[in-house]
């Protein structure tokens, strides 16, 4: 069975624990439930199948039943707490607490570095900027940023990017990108940080309205769409992104770091509810 920090879903962890015990002994859901203090023989089976939820209050009992102690016990309870968190802020706090706990025990949580990367605009901008400013001191890089950032923040960001293997430092002390593009990790918590980044970049986009037209491109349309048209436009946007990334990564030189935002969001409720439901059902069938 994998280390507990390799799990992000407590249901998957419980299922893997059960499968491992079942493989090596006459373990049963009945015995498992009894040990955890549940009256229903199949309660934990239903939890793993997503039919029931494990409460934060009973997480400790299940952790005890699985023989978890110390760090692993606390980590499991935090996984359950994360699943019950209602807001992005609560989820973010639960995930960051798990990461801090793992780091204290010299372990890395799946998605930890990706989560930290997407939390701030500084990481993506400096990752693009530093490799194209050979020999530059942190203060020079700070001055090259449109947004206010200190030399100390640049140094801290560079250290993080190197540690996360998103930048590498050569013998001359210059930085190089380890990869041309970064793909988001398939971890539920990472999009939470990405939403923070999108909010930051959205605010910067508003500020950039004061820039000369020669330095920015902005346009927008208010459209009346069917759900089918929405899906087609979304597909076009995905294809467009792929072409943009291909163009950007085709050239090794950089003259300026830009941010490209593209949004398509509703300005009203769906008027034809039946069509929306129909399209969702059709999509599920496919």
C-alpha atoms as a PDB file:
ATOM      1  CA  UNK A   1       0.000   0.000   0.000  1.00  0.00           C
ATOM      2  CA  UNK A   2       1.244   3.509  -0.838  1.00  0.00           C
ATOM      3  CA  UNK A   3       2.359   6.087   1.732  1.00  0.00           C
ATOM      4  CA  UNK A   4      -0.569   8.083   3.106  1.00  0.00           C
ATOM      5  CA  UNK A   5       0.790  11.375   1.661  1.00  0.00           C
ATOM      6  CA  UNK A   6       0.303   9.926  -1.831  1.00  0.00           C
ATOM      7  CA  UNK A   7      -3.451  10.003  -1.257  1.00  0.00           C
ATOM      8  CA  UNK A   8      -5.741  12.985  -1.672  1.00  0.00           C
ATOM      9  CA  UNK A   9      -9.031  11.084  -1.250  1.00  0.00           C
ATOM     10  CA  UNK A  10      -9.739   9.435   2.100  1.00  0.00           C
ATOM     11  CA  UNK A  11     -12.183   7.017   0.425  1.00  0.00           C
ATOM     12  CA  UNK A  12      -9.420   5.659  -1.800  1.00  0.00           C
ATOM     13  CA  UNK A  13      -7.122   5.281   1.210  1.00  0.00           C
ATOM     14  CA  UNK A  14      -9.757   3.289   3.149  1.00  0.00           C
ATOM     15  CA  UNK A  15     -10.476   1.094   0.103  1.00  0.00           C
ATOM     16  CA  UNK A  16      -6.784   0.352  -0.448  1.00  0.00           C
ATOM     17  CA  UNK A  17      -6.349  -0.452   3.247  1.00  0.00           C
ATOM     18  CA  UNK A  18      -9.298  -2.859   3.085  1.00  0.00           C
ATOM     19  CA  UNK A  19      -8.035  -4.502  -0.127  1.00  0.00           C
ATOM     20  CA  UNK A  20      -4.570  -4.976   1.382  1.00  0.00           C
ATOM     21  CA  UNK A  21      -5.969  -6.551   4.560  1.00  0.00           C
ATOM     22  CA  UNK A  22      -8.389  -8.700   2.566  1.00  0.00           C
ATOM     23  CA  UNK A  23      -5.550  -9.947   0.372  1.00  0.00           C
ATOM     24  CA  UNK A  24      -3.476 -11.134   3.330  1.00  0.00           C
ATOM     25  CA  UNK A  25      -6.184 -12.270   5.794  1.00  0.00           C
ATOM     26  CA  UNK A  26      -9.844 -13.131   6.312  1.00  0.00           C
ATOM     27  CA  UNK A  27     -10.660  -9.455   6.831  1.00  0.00           C
ATOM     28  CA  UNK A  28     -14.240  -8.316   6.132  1.00  0.00           C
ATOM     29  CA  UNK A  29     -16.306  -5.138   6.010  1.00  0.00           C
ATOM     30  CA  UNK A  30     -18.138  -6.478   9.056  1.00  0.00           C
ATOM     31  CA  UNK A  31     -14.904  -6.782  11.051  1.00  0.00           C
ATOM     32  CA  UNK A  32     -13.729  -3.388   9.835  1.00  0.00           C
ATOM     33  CA  UNK A  33     -16.980  -1.639  10.771  1.00  0.00           C
ATOM     34  CA  UNK A  34     -17.085  -3.335  14.140  1.00  0.00           C
ATOM     35  CA  UNK A  35     -13.520  -2.265  14.926  1.00  0.00           C
ATOM     36  CA  UNK A  36     -14.352   1.336  13.961  1.00  0.00           C
ATOM     37  CA  UNK A  37     -17.494   1.325  16.117  1.00  0.00           C
ATOM     38  CA  UNK A  38     -20.179   1.370  13.395  1.00  0.00           C
ATOM     39  CA  UNK A  39     -23.390  -0.629  13.831  1.00  0.00           C
ATOM     40  CA  UNK A  40     -23.835  -1.115  10.069  1.00  0.00           C
ATOM     41  CA  UNK A  41     -21.652  -3.872   8.616  1.00  0.00           C
ATOM     42  CA  UNK A  42     -21.480  -2.160   5.219  1.00  0.00           C
ATOM     43  CA  UNK A  43     -21.159   1.488   6.284  1.00  0.00           C
ATOM     44  CA  UNK A  44     -17.471   1.786   5.399  1.00  0.00           C
ATOM     45  CA  UNK A  45     -18.071  -0.093   2.145  1.00  0.00           C
ATOM     46  CA  UNK A  46     -20.695   2.517   1.249  1.00  0.00           C
ATOM     47  CA  UNK A  47     -18.262   5.283   2.226  1.00  0.00           C
ATOM     48  CA  UNK A  48     -15.693   3.925  -0.221  1.00  0.00           C
ATOM     49  CA  UNK A  49     -18.345   3.706  -2.947  1.00  0.00           C
ATOM     50  CA  UNK A  50     -19.363   7.334  -2.345  1.00  0.00           C
ATOM     51  CA  UNK A  51     -22.828   6.388  -1.105  1.00  0.00           C
ATOM     52  CA  UNK A  52     -22.085   7.612   2.433  1.00  0.00           C
ATOM     53  CA  UNK A  53     -19.807  10.276   3.860  1.00  0.00           C
ATOM     54  CA  UNK A  54     -17.420   9.802   6.735  1.00  0.00           C
ATOM     55  CA  UNK A  55     -17.914  12.576   9.284  1.00  0.00           C
ATOM     56  CA  UNK A  56     -14.975  14.478  10.733  1.00  0.00           C
ATOM     57  CA  UNK A  57     -16.100  13.269  14.171  1.00  0.00           C
ATOM     58  CA  UNK A  58     -15.828   9.599  13.216  1.00  0.00           C
ATOM     59  CA  UNK A  59     -12.594   9.994  11.223  1.00  0.00           C
ATOM     60  CA  UNK A  60     -10.524   9.342  14.340  1.00  0.00           C
ATOM     61  CA  UNK A  61     -12.335   6.065  15.026  1.00  0.00           C
ATOM     62  CA  UNK A  62     -11.664   4.839  11.497  1.00  0.00           C
ATOM     63  CA  UNK A  63      -8.027   5.945  11.751  1.00  0.00           C
ATOM     64  CA  UNK A  64      -7.691   3.945  14.969  1.00  0.00           C
ATOM     65  CA  UNK A  65      -9.314   0.925  13.331  1.00  0.00           C
ATOM     66  CA  UNK A  66      -6.692   1.111  10.567  1.00  0.00           C
ATOM     67  CA  UNK A  67      -3.910   1.335  13.146  1.00  0.00           C
ATOM     68  CA  UNK A  68      -2.868   4.862  12.214  1.00  0.00           C
ATOM     69  CA  UNK A  69      -0.898   6.737  14.856  1.00  0.00           C
ATOM     70  CA  UNK A  70       0.834  10.100  15.163  1.00  0.00           C
ATOM     71  CA  UNK A  71       1.390  11.868  11.852  1.00  0.00           C
ATOM     72  CA  UNK A  72      -0.623   9.350   9.805  1.00  0.00           C
ATOM     73  CA  UNK A  73      -3.597   9.634  12.185  1.00  0.00           C
ATOM     74  CA  UNK A  74      -3.608  13.441  11.963  1.00  0.00           C
ATOM     75  CA  UNK A  75      -3.089  13.382   8.208  1.00  0.00           C
ATOM     76  CA  UNK A  76      -6.060  11.062   7.662  1.00  0.00           C
ATOM     77  CA  UNK A  77      -8.334  13.290   9.784  1.00  0.00           C
ATOM     78  CA  UNK A  78      -7.227  16.302   7.713  1.00  0.00           C
ATOM     79  CA  UNK A  79      -8.111  14.439   4.494  1.00  0.00           C
ATOM     80  CA  UNK A  80     -11.631  13.957   5.847  1.00  0.00           C
ATOM     81  CA  UNK A  81     -11.769  17.610   6.982  1.00  0.00           C
ATOM     82  CA  UNK A  82     -10.754  18.710   3.484  1.00  0.00           C
ATOM     83  CA  UNK A  83     -13.585  16.673   1.947  1.00  0.00           C
ATOM     84  CA  UNK A  84     -16.098  18.405   4.244  1.00  0.00           C
ATOM     85  CA  UNK A  85     -14.800  21.946   3.678  1.00  0.00           C
ATOM     86  CA  UNK A  86     -17.452  24.127   2.057  1.00  0.00           C
ATOM     87  CA  UNK A  87     -15.511  27.153   0.836  1.00  0.00           C
ATOM     88  CA  UNK A  88     -12.308  27.505  -1.158  1.00  0.00           C
ATOM     89  CA  UNK A  89     -10.726  29.145   1.897  1.00  0.00           C
ATOM     90  CA  UNK A  90     -11.545  26.183   4.151  1.00  0.00           C
ATOM     91  CA  UNK A  91     -10.294  23.695   1.552  1.00  0.00           C
ATOM     92  CA  UNK A  92      -7.117  25.691   1.022  1.00  0.00           C
ATOM     93  CA  UNK A  93      -6.449  25.856   4.778  1.00  0.00           C
ATOM     94  CA  UNK A  94      -6.978  22.089   5.197  1.00  0.00           C
ATOM     95  CA  UNK A  95      -4.688  21.284   2.265  1.00  0.00           C
ATOM     96  CA  UNK A  96      -1.963  23.673   3.441  1.00  0.00           C
ATOM     97  CA  UNK A  97      -2.122  22.156   6.932  1.00  0.00           C
ATOM     98  CA  UNK A  98      -1.613  18.691   5.430  1.00  0.00           C
ATOM     99  CA  UNK A  99       1.359  19.962   3.420  1.00  0.00           C
ATOM    100  CA  UNK A 100       2.929  21.660   6.451  1.00  0.00           C
ATOM    101  CA  UNK A 101       2.480  18.509   8.507  1.00  0.00           C
ATOM    102  CA  UNK A 102       4.088  16.376   5.786  1.00  0.00           C
ATOM    103  CA  UNK A 103       7.028  18.754   5.367  1.00  0.00           C
ATOM    104  CA  UNK A 104       7.633  18.650   9.121  1.00  0.00           C
ATOM    105  CA  UNK A 105       8.037  14.882   8.711  1.00  0.00           C
ATOM    106  CA  UNK A 106      10.293  15.250   5.649  1.00  0.00           C
ATOM    107  CA  UNK A 107       7.590  14.081   3.289  1.00  0.00           C
ATOM    108  CA  UNK A 108       5.979  15.684   0.237  1.00  0.00           C
ATOM    109  CA  UNK A 109       2.248  15.781  -0.406  1.00  0.00           C
ATOM    110  CA  UNK A 110       1.106  15.004  -3.936  1.00  0.00           C
ATOM    111  CA  UNK A 111       0.387  18.366  -5.569  1.00  0.00           C
ATOM    112  CA  UNK A 112       2.122  20.447  -2.862  1.00  0.00           C
ATOM    113  CA  UNK A 113       4.612  22.207  -5.143  1.00  0.00           C
ATOM    114  CA  UNK A 114       2.047  22.650  -7.920  1.00  0.00           C
ATOM    115  CA  UNK A 115      -0.363  24.163  -5.366  1.00  0.00           C
ATOM    116  CA  UNK A 116       2.314  26.616  -4.205  1.00  0.00           C
ATOM    117  CA  UNK A 117       3.259  27.464  -7.804  1.00  0.00           C
ATOM    118  CA  UNK A 118      -0.268  28.488  -8.774  1.00  0.00           C
ATOM    119  CA  UNK A 119      -0.895  30.474  -5.575  1.00  0.00           C
ATOM    120  CA  UNK A 120       0.908  33.596  -6.777  1.00  0.00           C
ATOM    121  CA  UNK A 121       1.529  35.471 -10.014  1.00  0.00           C
ATOM    122  CA  UNK A 122       5.170  35.918  -8.945  1.00  0.00           C
ATOM    123  CA  UNK A 123       6.044  32.293  -9.724  1.00  0.00           C
ATOM    124  CA  UNK A 124       4.832  32.213 -13.330  1.00  0.00           C
ATOM    125  CA  UNK A 125       6.163  35.696 -14.209  1.00  0.00           C
ATOM    126  CA  UNK A 126       9.624  35.189 -12.701  1.00  0.00           C
ATOM    127  CA  UNK A 127       9.839  31.695 -14.201  1.00  0.00           C
ATOM    128  CA  UNK A 128       9.470  33.358 -17.620  1.00  0.00           C
ATOM    129  CA  UNK A 129      11.574  36.428 -16.823  1.00  0.00           C
ATOM    130  CA  UNK A 130      14.675  35.119 -15.033  1.00  0.00           C
ATOM    131  CA  UNK A 131      16.021  32.850 -17.832  1.00  0.00           C
ATOM    132  CA  UNK A 132      16.038  35.832 -20.210  1.00  0.00           C
ATOM    133  CA  UNK A 133      17.916  38.140 -17.830  1.00  0.00           C
ATOM    134  CA  UNK A 134      21.287  36.368 -17.496  1.00  0.00           C
ATOM    135  CA  UNK A 135      23.429  37.793 -14.741  1.00  0.00           C
ATOM    136  CA  UNK A 136      20.588  39.926 -13.382  1.00  0.00           C
ATOM    137  CA  UNK A 137      20.374  40.506  -9.638  1.00  0.00           C
ATOM    138  CA  UNK A 138      17.032  40.011  -7.804  1.00  0.00           C
ATOM    139  CA  UNK A 139      16.537  43.791  -7.641  1.00  0.00           C
ATOM    140  CA  UNK A 140      16.920  44.087 -11.429  1.00  0.00           C
ATOM    141  CA  UNK A 141      14.357  41.325 -11.946  1.00  0.00           C
ATOM    142  CA  UNK A 142      12.033  43.074  -9.483  1.00  0.00           C
ATOM    143  CA  UNK A 143      12.305  46.328 -11.460  1.00  0.00           C
ATOM    144  CA  UNK A 144      11.522  44.446 -14.675  1.00  0.00           C
ATOM    145  CA  UNK A 145       8.146  43.328 -13.283  1.00  0.00           C
ATOM    146  CA  UNK A 146       5.133  45.542 -13.964  1.00  0.00           C
ATOM    147  CA  UNK A 147       3.652  44.616 -10.594  1.00  0.00           C
ATOM    148  CA  UNK A 148       5.314  45.737  -7.372  1.00  0.00           C
ATOM    149  CA  UNK A 149       7.671  43.101  -5.969  1.00  0.00           C
ATOM    150  CA  UNK A 150      10.750  43.382  -3.738  1.00  0.00           C
ATOM    151  CA  UNK A 151      14.203  41.923  -4.342  1.00  0.00           C
ATOM    152  CA  UNK A 152      13.682  39.671  -1.310  1.00  0.00           C
ATOM    153  CA  UNK A 153      10.453  38.300  -2.845  1.00  0.00           C
ATOM    154  CA  UNK A 154      12.275  37.649  -6.122  1.00  0.00           C
ATOM    155  CA  UNK A 155      15.014  35.729  -4.266  1.00  0.00           C
ATOM    156  CA  UNK A 156      12.424  33.698  -2.364  1.00  0.00           C
ATOM    157  CA  UNK A 157      10.535  32.944  -5.583  1.00  0.00           C
ATOM    158  CA  UNK A 158      13.694  31.883  -7.419  1.00  0.00           C
ATOM    159  CA  UNK A 159      14.638  29.564  -4.545  1.00  0.00           C
ATOM    160  CA  UNK A 160      11.186  27.965  -4.666  1.00  0.00           C
ATOM    161  CA  UNK A 161      11.268  27.537  -8.460  1.00  0.00           C
ATOM    162  CA  UNK A 162      14.672  25.839  -8.297  1.00  0.00           C
ATOM    163  CA  UNK A 163      13.628  23.607  -5.404  1.00  0.00           C
ATOM    164  CA  UNK A 164      10.443  22.660  -7.282  1.00  0.00           C
ATOM    165  CA  UNK A 165      12.578  21.879 -10.371  1.00  0.00           C
ATOM    166  CA  UNK A 166      10.740  24.487 -12.432  1.00  0.00           C
ATOM    167  CA  UNK A 167      13.991  26.389 -12.983  1.00  0.00           C
ATOM    168  CA  UNK A 168      17.593  25.204 -12.858  1.00  0.00           C
ATOM    169  CA  UNK A 169      20.721  27.227 -12.193  1.00  0.00           C
ATOM    170  CA  UNK A 170      23.798  26.710 -14.360  1.00  0.00           C
ATOM    171  CA  UNK A 171      27.464  27.071 -13.348  1.00  0.00           C
ATOM    172  CA  UNK A 172      27.425  30.755 -14.281  1.00  0.00           C
ATOM    173  CA  UNK A 173      24.514  31.410 -11.938  1.00  0.00           C
ATOM    174  CA  UNK A 174      22.003  31.915 -14.750  1.00  0.00           C
ATOM    175  CA  UNK A 175      18.547  30.341 -14.777  1.00  0.00           C
ATOM    176  CA  UNK A 176      17.023  28.012 -17.333  1.00  0.00           C
ATOM    177  CA  UNK A 177      13.539  26.531 -17.563  1.00  0.00           C
ATOM    178  CA  UNK A 178      13.395  22.786 -17.001  1.00  0.00           C
ATOM    179  CA  UNK A 179      10.291  22.563 -19.224  1.00  0.00           C
ATOM    180  CA  UNK A 180       8.732  24.920 -21.739  1.00  0.00           C
ATOM    181  CA  UNK A 181       5.228  24.601 -20.340  1.00  0.00           C
ATOM    182  CA  UNK A 182       3.704  23.485 -17.044  1.00  0.00           C
ATOM    183  CA  UNK A 183       0.704  21.168 -16.833  1.00  0.00           C
ATOM    184  CA  UNK A 184      -1.554  21.296 -13.798  1.00  0.00           C
ATOM    185  CA  UNK A 185      -1.336  18.242 -11.556  1.00  0.00           C
ATOM    186  CA  UNK A 186      -4.454  16.021 -11.358  1.00  0.00           C
ATOM    187  CA  UNK A 187      -4.924  16.884  -7.692  1.00  0.00           C
ATOM    188  CA  UNK A 188      -8.179  18.421  -6.493  1.00  0.00           C
ATOM    189  CA  UNK A 189      -6.505  21.109  -4.378  1.00  0.00           C
ATOM    190  CA  UNK A 190      -4.348  22.515  -7.190  1.00  0.00           C
ATOM    191  CA  UNK A 191      -7.277  24.199  -9.046  1.00  0.00           C
ATOM    192  CA  UNK A 192      -8.024  26.049  -5.771  1.00  0.00           C
ATOM    193  CA  UNK A 193      -4.672  27.796  -6.064  1.00  0.00           C
ATOM    194  CA  UNK A 194      -5.193  28.275  -9.810  1.00  0.00           C
ATOM    195  CA  UNK A 195      -8.428  30.152  -9.067  1.00  0.00           C
ATOM    196  CA  UNK A 196      -6.432  32.474  -6.797  1.00  0.00           C
ATOM    197  CA  UNK A 197      -3.990  33.052  -9.642  1.00  0.00           C
ATOM    198  CA  UNK A 198      -6.831  33.780 -12.051  1.00  0.00           C
ATOM    199  CA  UNK A 199      -8.284  36.324  -9.619  1.00  0.00           C
ATOM    200  CA  UNK A 200      -4.906  38.046  -9.329  1.00  0.00           C
ATOM    201  CA  UNK A 201      -4.430  38.086 -13.094  1.00  0.00           C
ATOM    202  CA  UNK A 202      -7.998  39.348 -13.568  1.00  0.00           C
ATOM    203  CA  UNK A 203      -7.227  42.322 -11.310  1.00  0.00           C
ATOM    204  CA  UNK A 204      -4.028  43.011 -13.254  1.00  0.00           C
ATOM    205  CA  UNK A 205      -6.033  42.889 -16.494  1.00  0.00           C
ATOM    206  CA  UNK A 206      -8.285  45.668 -15.175  1.00  0.00           C
ATOM    207  CA  UNK A 207      -5.223  47.745 -14.268  1.00  0.00           C
ATOM    208  CA  UNK A 208      -3.778  47.220 -17.740  1.00  0.00           C
ATOM    209  CA  UNK A 209      -6.714  49.113 -19.284  1.00  0.00           C
ATOM    210  CA  UNK A 210      -4.667  52.250 -18.581  1.00  0.00           C
ATOM    211  CA  UNK A 211      -1.835  51.030 -20.833  1.00  0.00           C
ATOM    212  CA  UNK A 212      -1.511  52.375 -24.395  1.00  0.00           C
ATOM    213  CA  UNK A 213      -3.411  50.376 -27.016  1.00  0.00           C
ATOM    214  CA  UNK A 214      -0.076  49.515 -28.624  1.00  0.00           C
ATOM    215  CA  UNK A 215       0.840  47.473 -25.521  1.00  0.00           C
ATOM    216  CA  UNK A 216      -2.379  45.567 -24.956  1.00  0.00           C
ATOM    217  CA  UNK A 217      -5.133  43.787 -26.849  1.00  0.00           C
ATOM    218  CA  UNK A 218      -8.602  43.575 -25.321  1.00  0.00           C
ATOM    219  CA  UNK A 219     -11.959  42.865 -26.872  1.00  0.00           C
ATOM    220  CA  UNK A 220     -15.180  41.220 -25.859  1.00  0.00           C
ATOM    221  CA  UNK A 221     -18.602  40.160 -27.072  1.00  0.00           C
ATOM    222  CA  UNK A 222     -21.854  39.596 -25.245  1.00  0.00           C
ATOM    223  CA  UNK A 223     -23.474  36.586 -26.906  1.00  0.00           C
ATOM    224  CA  UNK A 224     -26.781  34.775 -26.712  1.00  0.00           C
ATOM    225  CA  UNK A 225     -25.908  31.068 -26.838  1.00  0.00           C
ATOM    226  CA  UNK A 226     -27.540  27.673 -26.815  1.00  0.00           C
ATOM    227  CA  UNK A 227     -25.818  25.009 -24.740  1.00  0.00           C
ATOM    228  CA  UNK A 228     -24.635  23.369 -27.974  1.00  0.00           C
ATOM    229  CA  UNK A 229     -23.055  26.640 -29.126  1.00  0.00           C
ATOM    230  CA  UNK A 230     -21.408  27.057 -25.716  1.00  0.00           C
ATOM    231  CA  UNK A 231     -19.810  23.597 -25.971  1.00  0.00           C
ATOM    232  CA  UNK A 232     -18.565  24.336 -29.499  1.00  0.00           C
ATOM    233  CA  UNK A 233     -17.028  27.665 -28.440  1.00  0.00           C
ATOM    234  CA  UNK A 234     -15.399  26.026 -25.414  1.00  0.00           C
ATOM    235  CA  UNK A 235     -13.812  23.449 -27.752  1.00  0.00           C
ATOM    236  CA  UNK A 236     -12.582  26.254 -30.039  1.00  0.00           C
ATOM    237  CA  UNK A 237     -11.013  27.987 -27.017  1.00  0.00           C
ATOM    238  CA  UNK A 238      -9.231  24.771 -25.998  1.00  0.00           C
ATOM    239  CA  UNK A 239      -7.847  24.369 -29.533  1.00  0.00           C
ATOM    240  CA  UNK A 240      -6.802  28.035 -29.537  1.00  0.00           C
ATOM    241  CA  UNK A 241      -4.885  27.586 -26.270  1.00  0.00           C
ATOM    242  CA  UNK A 242      -2.957  24.675 -27.715  1.00  0.00           C
ATOM    243  CA  UNK A 243      -1.960  26.768 -30.749  1.00  0.00           C
ATOM    244  CA  UNK A 244      -0.943  29.731 -28.550  1.00  0.00           C
ATOM    245  CA  UNK A 245       1.268  27.538 -26.345  1.00  0.00           C
ATOM    246  CA  UNK A 246       2.848  25.998 -29.466  1.00  0.00           C
ATOM    247  CA  UNK A 247       3.647  29.471 -30.851  1.00  0.00           C
ATOM    248  CA  UNK A 248       5.034  30.726 -27.520  1.00  0.00           C
ATOM    249  CA  UNK A 249       7.251  27.684 -26.947  1.00  0.00           C
ATOM    250  CA  UNK A 250       8.512  27.618 -30.537  1.00  0.00           C
ATOM    251  CA  UNK A 251      10.862  30.558 -29.884  1.00  0.00           C
ATOM    252  CA  UNK A 252      13.694  30.410 -27.350  1.00  0.00           C
ATOM    253  CA  UNK A 253      13.907  34.200 -27.013  1.00  0.00           C
ATOM    254  CA  UNK A 254      11.712  36.481 -24.870  1.00  0.00           C
ATOM    255  CA  UNK A 255      11.347  40.261 -25.200  1.00  0.00           C
ATOM    256  CA  UNK A 256       8.515  40.710 -22.707  1.00  0.00           C
ATOM    257  CA  UNK A 257       6.446  38.526 -20.384  1.00  0.00           C
ATOM    258  CA  UNK A 258       2.726  38.722 -21.208  1.00  0.00           C
ATOM    259  CA  UNK A 259      -0.354  37.240 -19.599  1.00  0.00           C
ATOM    260  CA  UNK A 260      -3.133  36.055 -21.907  1.00  0.00           C
ATOM    261  CA  UNK A 261      -6.535  35.802 -20.213  1.00  0.00           C
ATOM    262  CA  UNK A 262      -9.530  34.410 -22.029  1.00  0.00           C
ATOM    263  CA  UNK A 263     -12.926  34.162 -20.365  1.00  0.00           C
ATOM    264  CA  UNK A 264     -16.317  32.826 -21.357  1.00  0.00           C
ATOM    265  CA  UNK A 265     -18.820  33.100 -18.521  1.00  0.00           C
ATOM    266  CA  UNK A 266     -22.608  33.441 -18.088  1.00  0.00           C
ATOM    267  CA  UNK A 267     -24.221  36.847 -17.623  1.00  0.00           C
ATOM    268  CA  UNK A 268     -27.688  35.351 -17.138  1.00  0.00           C
ATOM    269  CA  UNK A 269     -29.404  32.164 -16.019  1.00  0.00           C
ATOM    270  CA  UNK A 270     -30.175  29.521 -18.662  1.00  0.00           C
ATOM    271  CA  UNK A 271     -33.520  30.416 -20.207  1.00  0.00           C
ATOM    272  CA  UNK A 272     -34.205  27.041 -21.796  1.00  0.00           C
ATOM    273  CA  UNK A 273     -33.623  24.702 -18.855  1.00  0.00           C
ATOM    274  CA  UNK A 274     -34.868  21.613 -20.695  1.00  0.00           C
ATOM    275  CA  UNK A 275     -32.321  22.031 -23.503  1.00  0.00           C
ATOM    276  CA  UNK A 276     -29.500  22.421 -20.976  1.00  0.00           C
ATOM    277  CA  UNK A 277     -30.498  19.216 -19.188  1.00  0.00           C
ATOM    278  CA  UNK A 278     -30.863  17.402 -22.527  1.00  0.00           C
ATOM    279  CA  UNK A 279     -27.364  18.381 -23.636  1.00  0.00           C
ATOM    280  CA  UNK A 280     -25.860  17.305 -20.326  1.00  0.00           C
ATOM    281  CA  UNK A 281     -27.578  13.942 -20.617  1.00  0.00           C
ATOM    282  CA  UNK A 282     -26.368  13.545 -24.215  1.00  0.00           C
ATOM    283  CA  UNK A 283     -22.825  14.365 -23.106  1.00  0.00           C
ATOM    284  CA  UNK A 284     -22.988  11.772 -20.309  1.00  0.00           C
ATOM    285  CA  UNK A 285     -24.180   9.100 -22.713  1.00  0.00           C
ATOM    286  CA  UNK A 286     -21.190   9.763 -24.944  1.00  0.00           C
END
